[in-house]
Amino acid sequence: MQSRLRFYFFLFTVLIGSIHMANADKKTFINAQTHTLENGLKIIIVPNGLAPVVTIGVIYHVGTADDPLDQVGLSHFLEHMMFKGTKEIPGGEFNKLIIRHGGHNNAYTEYDYTFYHTTISAKHLELILKGEADRMRNLSFTQEEVISEIDVVLEERRMRLDNNPFGVASERFLRAMHPYHPYGVHPIGLPHHIKKYTFKSARDHYDAYYRPNNATLMIGGKVTLDEALPIIKKYFGNIKSAAIPTRKRPQNPPREGLTETITQHNKRNSIVQLQLSYDAPHFHSEIGRKHYYALLMLEYLLGGNTTAEFYNNLVERKKLAIHISCDYDGDAIDQKDLSISAAMQPDGNIDALKAEINKQLLNIQKQGVSKDDLERAKISMLGKLEFIKDGTEALLTTIASFVARGFVLDDLNNWKKRIEAVTNDDIIAAAQLVFKNNPAVTLEIYPESKEATAKTAAAT
């Protein structure tokens, strides 16, 4: 499988080091200014005067995992509808307005939140804040637009999943990993979910969640809180708060030792792909908070670092795989997984690959990793300190991905210290916690067998 290693995690570690260097005489790594309006809107300003540019982001604390169970993906659909305009700014005009003023914008929906962001010259800050405040409560769309956008989302799903050679396998994996929890369905939803969206369900979702007390406004760039706050109050201050629905997410039951293997013979795949996925605690659980930073280090040691012993054994020395990656989804609101993915050498033996991975994982559980591996991982994770200074967009999007999932600025300000404090004993304890059990789900994707190819050819 392709790596699911998160690009924004890398950017975040870069961000922490970069701001640390820029503020070496200060106690915090993120020089953020915060405020909360009377209506509950949370504000985070990250001043950065290196360029006359600002990025404005609005987090709505609602995502796919909060959708109605029969209309999964409704949050993503509402993201589309948010670009339909308001009475003051008709459909499509907000985007055109941003482009005419030299900016660009985008949005995306995750399981736990939805994020809208615009990057533009700092002199147009008020223009964007006015537009975001307007569509926070004055969104206007019609029945006809809903019907039309359903077709757009169905086409997007076909492009992103149905036409993806690994789309079917990835969706089956999600359902196996999360049989009851809404993390088990891709954020875009299934076709039968999408076809059930209505004007009323989209409007109800908007009215329930798109409120100032369920949002965080973030601005990064050439601006300070003192400069931005009067403008924010002008446009957002009179928007009324409302009771927000309590998050009620069905949880997965204990596995009781049950494991599941998914096997696919895929005519669009040319080599064997293997993914081993383990239940792993998340940051917001008591046990997860204890092991979170060591698990982040393990994620890097098992896939993000080509100099690590794990990678070298499997790829360089024994040549059982041509690529290894690892992804730990520990920052989600609810528990996800730690997954090790491998692309096999042509004509390789999958049983030999599995056996070697298990051998390496057992070795880490017993004695951890070498001192050199651990130190190199720390240096790499906290390195390249100046990269993030090149702009505001990556900086703000990265912070947003953590704040939206319940991290607080103190968690982020202590990030570097906690990464540096990880010891080999911490690595051993984290590895034992996750790898003491067999994988919860094993995914194996093979090229289509010669027999199946012959049958298909004969049939045509």
Protein backbone atom coordinates (compact mmCIF):
# COMPACT_ATOMS: atom_id res chain seq x y z
CA MET A 1 0.00 0.00 0.00
CA GLN A 2 1.04 3.58 -0.52
CA SER A 3 2.29 5.30 2.60
CA ARG A 4 -0.26 6.98 4.80
CA LEU A 5 2.51 8.79 6.69
CA ARG A 6 1.10 12.23 7.33
CA PHE A 7 2.74 15.11 5.54
CA TYR A 8 1.40 17.55 8.11
CA PHE A 9 3.01 15.69 10.98
CA PHE A 10 6.37 16.34 9.33
CA LEU A 11 5.47 19.98 8.80
CA PHE A 12 4.39 20.27 12.40
CA THR A 13 7.69 19.00 13.76
CA VAL A 14 9.45 21.42 11.46
CA LEU A 15 7.19 24.22 12.66
CA ILE A 16 7.96 23.62 16.31
CA GLY A 17 11.70 23.76 15.75
CA SER A 18 11.47 26.77 13.48
CA ILE A 19 9.52 28.90 15.89
CA HIS A 20 11.78 27.73 18.70
CA MET A 21 14.81 29.07 16.85
CA ALA A 22 13.07 32.35 16.07
CA ASN A 23 12.11 32.80 19.72
CA ALA A 24 15.09 31.24 21.48
CA ASP A 25 14.79 33.59 24.43
CA LYS A 26 11.14 32.77 25.04
CA LYS A 27 9.56 29.90 26.91
CA THR A 28 7.08 28.92 24.22
CA PHE A 29 7.66 27.58 20.73
CA ILE A 30 4.45 28.95 19.22
CA ASN A 31 4.17 32.68 19.73
CA ALA A 32 0.38 32.59 19.47
CA GLN A 33 -2.04 35.22 20.69
CA THR A 34 -5.47 33.98 21.75
CA HIS A 35 -8.87 35.39 22.59
CA THR A 36 -12.46 34.17 22.89
CA LEU A 37 -15.45 36.32 21.95
CA GLU A 38 -18.55 36.45 24.15
CA ASN A 39 -20.40 34.24 21.66
CA GLY A 40 -17.78 31.50 22.11
CA LEU A 41 -15.72 32.01 18.94
CA LYS A 42 -12.12 31.00 19.73
CA ILE A 43 -9.38 33.05 18.09
CA ILE A 44 -5.73 32.10 17.50
CA ILE A 45 -3.36 34.63 15.91
CA VAL A 46 0.18 33.58 14.93
CA PRO A 47 2.08 36.73 13.92
CA ASN A 48 4.69 36.28 11.19
CA GLY A 49 6.01 39.46 9.62
CA LEU A 50 8.32 37.89 7.05
CA ALA A 51 5.93 38.71 4.19
CA PRO A 52 2.89 41.01 3.81
CA VAL A 53 0.58 38.00 3.63
CA VAL A 54 -2.02 36.40 5.87
CA THR A 55 -3.69 33.01 5.94
CA ILE A 56 -7.16 33.01 7.45
CA GLY A 57 -8.56 29.65 8.56
CA VAL A 58 -11.87 28.68 10.09
CA ILE A 59 -12.18 25.34 11.85
CA TYR A 60 -15.67 23.97 12.38
CA HIS A 61 -15.54 21.26 15.00
CA VAL A 62 -17.65 18.78 13.07
CA GLY A 63 -16.56 16.09 10.65
CA THR A 64 -17.57 12.85 9.03
CA ALA A 65 -17.58 10.97 12.34
CA ASP A 66 -20.37 13.31 13.51
CA ASP A 67 -22.61 12.75 10.49
CA PRO A 68 -26.00 10.96 10.62
CA LEU A 69 -25.30 7.24 10.29
CA ASP A 70 -27.52 6.98 7.20
CA GLN A 71 -25.94 10.05 5.55
CA VAL A 72 -22.21 9.66 6.18
CA GLY A 73 -20.28 12.31 4.29
CA LEU A 74 -22.85 15.03 4.96
CA SER A 75 -20.14 17.24 6.50
CA HIS A 76 -18.14 16.92 3.29
CA PHE A 77 -21.23 17.72 1.25
CA LEU A 78 -21.88 20.81 3.36
CA GLU A 79 -18.29 21.88 2.67
CA HIS A 80 -19.26 21.96 -1.01
CA MET A 81 -22.41 23.93 -0.26
CA MET A 82 -20.41 26.53 1.69
CA PHE A 83 -19.14 27.82 -1.66
CA LYS A 84 -22.67 28.42 -2.99
CA GLY A 85 -22.74 31.90 -1.54
CA THR A 86 -25.01 34.09 0.56
CA LYS A 87 -27.56 36.77 -0.23
CA GLU A 88 -24.82 39.39 0.03
CA ILE A 89 -22.18 37.37 -1.82
CA PRO A 90 -23.97 35.16 -4.43
CA GLY A 91 -22.83 31.70 -5.42
CA GLY A 92 -19.25 31.54 -6.68
CA GLU A 93 -18.58 35.22 -6.05
CA PHE A 94 -16.60 34.66 -2.86
CA ASN A 95 -14.04 32.59 -4.76
CA LYS A 96 -13.92 35.11 -7.60
CA LEU A 97 -13.49 37.94 -5.10
CA ILE A 98 -10.48 36.20 -3.56
CA ILE A 99 -8.91 35.51 -6.97
CA ARG A 100 -9.45 39.12 -8.10
CA HIS A 101 -7.53 40.27 -5.05
CA GLY A 102 -4.62 37.92 -5.73
CA GLY A 103 -5.44 35.23 -3.16
CA HIS A 104 -6.43 31.59 -3.19
CA ASN A 105 -8.60 29.44 -0.97
CA ASN A 106 -9.59 25.86 -0.33
CA ALA A 107 -11.29 23.59 2.18
CA TYR A 108 -11.30 19.98 3.29
CA THR A 109 -13.29 17.69 5.54
CA GLU A 110 -11.73 15.21 7.95
CA TYR A 111 -13.38 12.74 10.32
CA ASP A 112 -13.14 15.16 13.26
CA TYR A 113 -13.38 18.63 11.72
CA THR A 114 -13.88 20.77 8.61
CA PHE A 115 -11.38 23.48 7.67
CA TYR A 116 -11.67 26.47 5.34
CA HIS A 117 -8.58 28.55 4.56
CA THR A 118 -7.61 31.54 2.43
CA THR A 119 -4.19 33.03 1.76
CA ILE A 120 -4.10 36.63 0.56
CA SER A 121 -2.29 39.96 0.92
CA ALA A 122 -2.52 41.23 4.49
CA LYS A 123 -4.24 44.42 3.31
CA HIS A 124 -7.29 42.33 2.34
CA LEU A 125 -7.73 40.72 5.78
CA GLU A 126 -11.01 42.52 6.41
CA LEU A 127 -12.43 41.40 3.07
CA ILE A 128 -11.94 37.72 3.95
CA LEU A 129 -13.14 38.05 7.56
CA LYS A 130 -16.31 39.71 6.30
CA GLY A 131 -16.90 36.86 3.85
CA GLU A 132 -16.23 34.11 6.40
CA ALA A 133 -18.53 35.73 8.96
CA ASP A 134 -21.22 36.10 6.31
CA ARG A 135 -21.22 32.45 5.34
CA MET A 136 -20.98 31.27 8.95
CA ARG A 137 -24.68 32.02 9.39
CA ASN A 138 -26.05 33.46 6.14
CA LEU A 139 -25.35 30.58 3.77
CA SER A 140 -27.89 30.45 0.97
CA PHE A 141 -28.44 27.47 -1.31
CA THR A 142 -31.40 26.00 -3.12
CA GLN A 143 -33.01 22.60 -3.62
CA GLU A 144 -31.79 22.63 -7.22
CA GLU A 145 -28.21 23.29 -6.11
CA VAL A 146 -28.37 20.39 -3.66
CA ILE A 147 -29.55 18.00 -6.39
CA SER A 148 -26.84 19.22 -8.75
CA GLU A 149 -24.08 19.00 -6.12
CA ILE A 150 -25.03 15.42 -5.25
CA ASP A 151 -23.98 14.48 -8.79
CA VAL A 152 -20.74 16.44 -8.34
CA VAL A 153 -19.91 14.56 -5.12
CA LEU A 154 -20.76 11.20 -6.70
CA GLU A 155 -18.35 12.03 -9.52
CA GLU A 156 -15.70 13.09 -7.00
CA ARG A 157 -16.14 9.76 -5.24
CA ARG A 158 -15.74 7.89 -8.54
CA MET A 159 -12.55 9.81 -9.26
CA ARG A 160 -11.00 9.46 -5.77
CA LEU A 161 -12.12 5.94 -4.79
CA ASP A 162 -14.04 3.96 -7.40
CA ASN A 163 -11.39 4.66 -10.04
CA ASN A 164 -8.50 4.20 -7.60
CA PRO A 165 -6.82 0.78 -8.01
CA PHE A 166 -6.76 0.43 -4.22
CA GLY A 167 -10.08 2.14 -3.52
CA VAL A 168 -12.14 -0.99 -2.87
CA ALA A 169 -9.46 -2.53 -0.66
CA SER A 170 -8.98 0.68 1.34
CA GLU A 171 -12.71 0.97 2.04
CA ARG A 172 -12.90 -2.67 3.08
CA PHE A 173 -9.92 -2.08 5.37
CA LEU A 174 -11.62 0.88 7.05
CA ARG A 175 -14.74 -1.16 7.76
CA ALA A 176 -12.70 -4.06 9.16
CA MET A 177 -10.66 -1.73 11.37
CA HIS A 178 -13.72 0.17 12.57
CA PRO A 179 -16.77 -2.12 12.24
CA TYR A 180 -19.04 0.17 14.29
CA HIS A 181 -17.25 3.49 14.59
CA PRO A 182 -17.82 6.07 11.82
CA TYR A 183 -14.07 6.09 11.13
CA GLY A 184 -14.96 2.95 9.18
CA VAL A 185 -16.36 4.91 6.23
CA HIS A 186 -14.33 7.23 4.01
CA PRO A 187 -15.11 10.93 4.68
CA ILE A 188 -16.82 11.25 1.31
CA GLY A 189 -19.39 8.58 2.24
CA LEU A 190 -20.77 5.65 0.30
CA PRO A 191 -22.98 6.11 -2.81
CA HIS A 192 -26.16 5.20 -0.95
CA HIS A 193 -25.28 7.78 1.72
CA ILE A 194 -24.66 10.52 -0.85
CA LYS A 195 -27.94 9.84 -2.68
CA LYS A 196 -29.88 10.38 0.57
CA TYR A 197 -28.67 13.95 1.11
CA THR A 198 -31.51 16.47 0.96
CA PHE A 199 -31.90 20.21 1.19
CA LYS A 200 -33.32 19.75 4.70
CA SER A 201 -30.55 17.45 5.98
CA ALA A 202 -27.83 19.77 4.66
CA ARG A 203 -29.54 22.82 6.12
CA ASP A 204 -30.14 21.10 9.47
CA HIS A 205 -26.47 20.09 9.63
CA TYR A 206 -25.42 23.65 8.91
CA ASP A 207 -27.79 25.11 11.52
CA ALA A 208 -26.65 22.61 14.15
CA TYR A 209 -22.88 22.95 13.81
CA TYR A 210 -21.91 26.15 11.98
CA ARG A 211 -22.00 28.38 15.01
CA PRO A 212 -19.35 30.66 16.52
CA ASN A 213 -19.14 28.57 19.69
CA ASN A 214 -18.31 25.53 17.54
CA ALA A 215 -15.61 27.27 15.53
CA THR A 216 -12.01 28.41 15.84
CA LEU A 217 -10.80 31.36 13.77
CA MET A 218 -7.08 31.29 13.01
CA ILE A 219 -4.96 33.94 11.34
CA GLY A 220 -1.28 33.60 10.58
CA GLY A 221 0.99 36.17 8.98
CA LYS A 222 1.55 39.90 9.07
CA VAL A 223 -1.03 40.74 11.73
CA THR A 224 -1.36 40.88 15.51
CA LEU A 225 -4.30 40.24 17.78
CA ASP A 226 -4.57 43.95 18.56
CA GLU A 227 -4.88 44.69 14.84
CA ALA A 228 -7.26 41.87 14.00
CA LEU A 229 -9.58 41.83 17.01
CA PRO A 230 -11.58 44.98 16.19
CA ILE A 231 -12.27 43.63 12.69
CA ILE A 232 -13.18 40.20 14.04
CA LYS A 233 -15.58 41.71 16.56
CA LYS A 234 -17.13 43.87 13.85
CA TYR A 235 -18.12 40.91 11.69
CA PHE A 236 -18.34 37.93 14.07
CA GLY A 237 -19.27 39.59 17.35
CA ASN A 238 -23.03 39.75 16.75
CA ILE A 239 -23.42 36.19 15.49
CA LYS A 240 -25.45 34.26 18.04
CA SER A 241 -24.20 31.09 19.66
CA ALA A 242 -26.38 28.01 20.04
CA ALA A 243 -26.41 24.65 21.79
CA ILE A 244 -24.13 22.25 19.87
CA PRO A 245 -25.13 18.58 19.61
CA THR A 246 -23.11 16.31 21.89
CA ARG A 247 -20.77 14.03 19.99
CA LYS A 248 -22.23 10.53 20.14
CA ARG A 249 -20.04 8.14 18.22
CA PRO A 250 -20.61 4.38 18.28
CA GLN A 251 -17.44 2.73 19.56
CA ASN A 252 -15.82 -0.48 18.35
CA PRO A 253 -16.18 -3.42 20.74
CA PRO A 254 -13.09 -5.24 22.09
CA ARG A 255 -11.64 -7.58 19.47
CA GLU A 256 -11.13 -10.41 21.97
CA GLY A 257 -8.16 -11.64 19.96
CA LEU A 258 -10.02 -11.58 16.65
CA THR A 259 -7.97 -10.69 13.58
CA GLU A 260 -9.12 -10.24 10.01
CA THR A 261 -7.26 -10.77 6.74
CA ILE A 262 -8.42 -9.04 3.55
CA THR A 263 -7.05 -10.42 0.30
CA GLN A 264 -7.54 -8.89 -3.13
CA HIS A 265 -6.29 -9.96 -6.57
CA ASN A 266 -6.16 -6.69 -8.46
CA LYS A 267 -5.61 -6.51 -12.21
CA ARG A 268 -4.42 -2.90 -11.86
CA ASN A 269 -1.68 -3.84 -9.41
CA SER A 270 1.71 -5.15 -10.51
CA ILE A 271 3.40 -6.10 -7.21
CA VAL A 272 2.32 -7.56 -3.89
CA GLN A 273 1.27 -4.96 -1.31
CA LEU A 274 1.06 -5.75 2.41
CA GLN A 275 -0.38 -3.72 5.27
CA LEU A 276 -0.37 -4.80 8.92
CA SER A 277 -2.63 -2.64 11.11
CA TYR A 278 -2.66 -2.71 14.90
CA ASP A 279 -4.98 -1.07 17.40
CA ALA A 280 -3.01 1.80 18.96
CA PRO A 281 -4.05 4.20 21.72
CA HIS A 282 -4.62 7.85 20.86
CA PHE A 283 -3.39 11.00 22.56
CA HIS A 284 -6.72 11.75 24.23
CA SER A 285 -6.83 8.50 26.21
CA GLU A 286 -4.95 8.11 29.48
CA ILE A 287 -2.74 5.30 28.22
CA GLY A 288 -2.32 7.02 24.88
CA ARG A 289 -1.06 10.25 26.41
CA LYS A 290 1.55 8.22 28.27
CA HIS A 291 2.88 6.52 25.13
CA TYR A 292 1.98 9.06 22.41
CA TYR A 293 5.42 10.57 21.83
CA ALA A 294 7.17 7.20 21.86
CA LEU A 295 4.62 5.93 19.32
CA LEU A 296 5.34 8.94 17.11
CA MET A 297 9.01 8.02 17.33
CA LEU A 298 8.17 4.40 16.47
CA GLU A 299 6.17 5.59 13.48
CA TYR A 300 9.26 7.36 12.20
CA LEU A 301 11.64 4.49 13.01
CA LEU A 302 9.39 1.96 11.24
CA GLY A 303 8.80 3.90 8.09
CA GLY A 304 9.82 7.53 7.95
CA ASN A 305 13.57 7.05 8.16
CA THR A 306 15.48 5.13 5.49
CA THR A 307 18.58 5.06 7.69
CA ALA A 308 16.85 3.13 10.49
CA GLU A 309 17.68 -0.51 11.19
CA PHE A 310 14.11 -1.67 10.48
CA TYR A 311 14.16 -0.24 6.96
CA ASN A 312 17.69 -1.39 6.22
CA ASN A 313 16.99 -4.99 7.26
CA LEU A 314 13.88 -5.34 5.12
CA VAL A 315 14.84 -3.26 2.10
CA GLU A 316 18.61 -2.96 1.83
CA ARG A 317 20.02 -6.14 3.36
CA LYS A 318 17.42 -8.88 2.91
CA LYS A 319 15.69 -7.22 -0.05
CA LEU A 320 12.27 -8.51 0.97
CA ALA A 321 10.59 -5.19 0.16
CA ILE A 322 11.22 -2.25 -2.13
CA HIS A 323 9.47 0.18 0.19
CA ILE A 324 8.36 0.30 3.84
CA SER A 325 6.19 2.93 5.48
CA CYS A 326 4.38 3.40 8.76
CA ASP A 327 1.49 5.55 9.91
CA TYR A 328 0.29 6.14 13.48
CA ASP A 329 -3.07 7.90 13.68
CA GLY A 330 -2.67 8.89 17.31
CA ASP A 331 -3.93 12.46 17.16
CA ALA A 332 -7.54 11.62 16.21
CA ILE A 333 -10.29 12.25 18.74
CA ASP A 334 -11.02 8.51 18.98
CA GLN A 335 -8.74 5.49 18.65
CA LYS A 336 -7.39 4.55 15.26
CA ASP A 337 -4.40 2.41 14.34
CA LEU A 338 -0.70 2.04 13.70
CA SER A 339 -0.09 0.52 10.27
CA ILE A 340 3.04 -0.86 8.67
CA SER A 341 2.89 -1.03 4.88
CA ALA A 342 5.27 -2.75 2.49
CA ALA A 343 5.62 -3.14 -1.25
CA MET A 344 7.30 -6.48 -1.98
CA GLN A 345 10.21 -7.16 -4.24
CA PRO A 346 9.07 -8.76 -7.52
CA ASP A 347 8.94 -12.55 -7.12
CA GLY A 348 9.32 -12.09 -3.36
CA ASN A 349 7.76 -14.32 -0.73
CA ILE A 350 5.05 -12.69 1.36
CA ASP A 351 5.40 -15.24 4.17
CA ALA A 352 9.11 -14.48 4.41
CA LEU A 353 8.33 -10.75 4.50
CA LYS A 354 5.76 -11.20 7.27
CA ALA A 355 8.13 -13.39 9.26
CA GLU A 356 10.93 -10.83 9.05
CA ILE A 357 8.64 -7.96 10.04
CA ASN A 358 7.44 -9.96 13.05
CA LYS A 359 11.04 -10.81 13.94
CA GLN A 360 12.04 -7.14 13.80
CA LEU A 361 9.03 -6.05 15.86
CA LEU A 362 9.74 -8.71 18.47
CA ASN A 363 13.33 -7.53 18.67
CA ILE A 364 12.17 -3.94 19.27
CA GLN A 365 9.84 -5.15 22.02
CA LYS A 366 12.77 -6.86 23.74
CA GLN A 367 15.61 -4.39 23.34
CA GLY A 368 14.27 -1.32 21.57
CA VAL A 369 16.35 0.43 18.94
CA SER A 370 19.96 1.52 18.75
CA LYS A 371 21.08 4.77 20.31
CA ASP A 372 22.11 6.02 16.87
CA ASP A 373 18.69 5.22 15.38
CA LEU A 374 16.91 7.02 18.20
CA GLU A 375 19.10 10.12 18.01
CA ARG A 376 18.90 10.30 14.21
CA ALA A 377 15.13 10.04 14.40
CA LYS A 378 14.94 12.91 16.87
CA ILE A 379 17.24 15.06 14.77
CA SER A 380 15.23 14.32 11.63
CA MET A 381 11.87 14.90 13.28
CA LEU A 382 12.95 18.23 14.74
CA GLY A 383 15.24 19.22 11.89
CA LYS A 384 15.12 21.53 8.87
CA LEU A 385 14.05 24.30 11.18
CA GLU A 386 13.80 27.11 8.66
CA PHE A 387 11.58 25.38 6.10
CA ILE A 388 8.26 26.42 7.59
CA LYS A 389 9.25 30.10 7.58
CA ASP A 390 8.70 30.27 3.85
CA GLY A 391 4.98 30.88 4.25
CA THR A 392 1.92 31.05 6.46
CA GLU A 393 -0.37 28.46 4.89
CA ALA A 394 1.47 25.30 5.90
CA LEU A 395 2.07 26.76 9.35
CA LEU A 396 -1.61 27.50 9.98
CA THR A 397 -2.93 24.32 8.40
CA THR A 398 -0.57 22.26 10.52
CA ILE A 399 -1.56 23.91 13.79
CA ALA A 400 -5.21 23.62 12.78
CA SER A 401 -4.94 19.86 12.29
CA PHE A 402 -3.97 19.49 15.94
CA VAL A 403 -6.12 22.18 17.53
CA ALA A 404 -9.18 20.80 15.73
CA ARG A 405 -8.61 17.42 17.36
CA GLY A 406 -8.49 18.70 20.90
CA PHE A 407 -4.83 19.57 21.42
CA VAL A 408 -4.19 22.82 23.30
CA LEU A 409 -1.35 25.23 22.72
CA ASP A 410 0.47 23.96 25.80
CA ASP A 411 0.61 20.52 24.17
CA LEU A 412 2.19 22.08 21.10
CA ASN A 413 4.56 24.29 23.07
CA ASN A 414 5.91 21.23 24.90
CA TRP A 415 6.21 19.13 21.73
CA LYS A 416 9.94 19.53 21.19
CA LYS A 417 10.75 18.86 24.84
CA ARG A 418 8.64 15.70 24.90
CA ILE A 419 10.10 14.33 21.67
CA GLU A 420 13.62 14.93 22.97
CA ALA A 421 12.72 13.18 26.24
CA VAL A 422 11.74 9.87 24.59
CA THR A 423 14.07 7.09 25.77
CA ASN A 424 14.75 3.60 24.52
CA ASP A 425 12.74 2.26 27.46
CA ASP A 426 9.80 4.34 26.23
CA ILE A 427 10.18 2.80 22.77
CA ILE A 428 10.17 -0.71 24.26
CA ALA A 429 7.06 -0.02 26.36
CA ALA A 430 5.18 1.48 23.41
CA ALA A 431 6.17 -1.39 21.12
CA GLN A 432 5.03 -3.96 23.68
CA LEU A 433 1.71 -2.16 24.09
CA VAL A 434 0.90 -2.20 20.37
CA PHE A 435 2.66 -5.29 19.01
CA LYS A 436 1.94 -7.76 21.82
CA ASN A 437 -1.17 -8.73 19.85
CA ASN A 438 -1.43 -9.88 16.25
CA PRO A 439 -2.49 -7.24 13.71
CA ALA A 440 -6.16 -6.37 13.99
CA VAL A 441 -6.34 -6.31 10.19
CA THR A 442 -3.95 -7.64 7.56
CA LEU A 443 -4.43 -6.39 4.02
CA GLU A 444 -2.81 -8.25 1.13
CA ILE A 445 -3.15 -7.04 -2.45
CA TYR A 446 -1.82 -9.25 -5.24
CA PRO A 447 -1.59 -8.81 -8.99
CA GLU A 448 -4.36 -10.63 -10.78
CA SER A 449 -3.43 -14.31 -11.02
CA LYS A 450 -2.38 -15.77 -14.36
CA GLU A 451 -5.33 -18.17 -14.18
CA ALA A 452 -7.81 -15.31 -13.75
CA THR A 453 -6.18 -13.36 -16.58
CA ALA A 454 -6.45 -16.40 -18.87
CA LYS A 455 -10.14 -16.85 -18.00
CA THR A 456 -10.87 -13.20 -18.70
CA ALA A 457 -9.07 -13.38 -22.04
CA ALA A 458 -10.99 -16.53 -22.98
CA ALA A 459 -14.31 -14.95 -22.08
CA THR A 460 -13.67 -12.01 -24.37
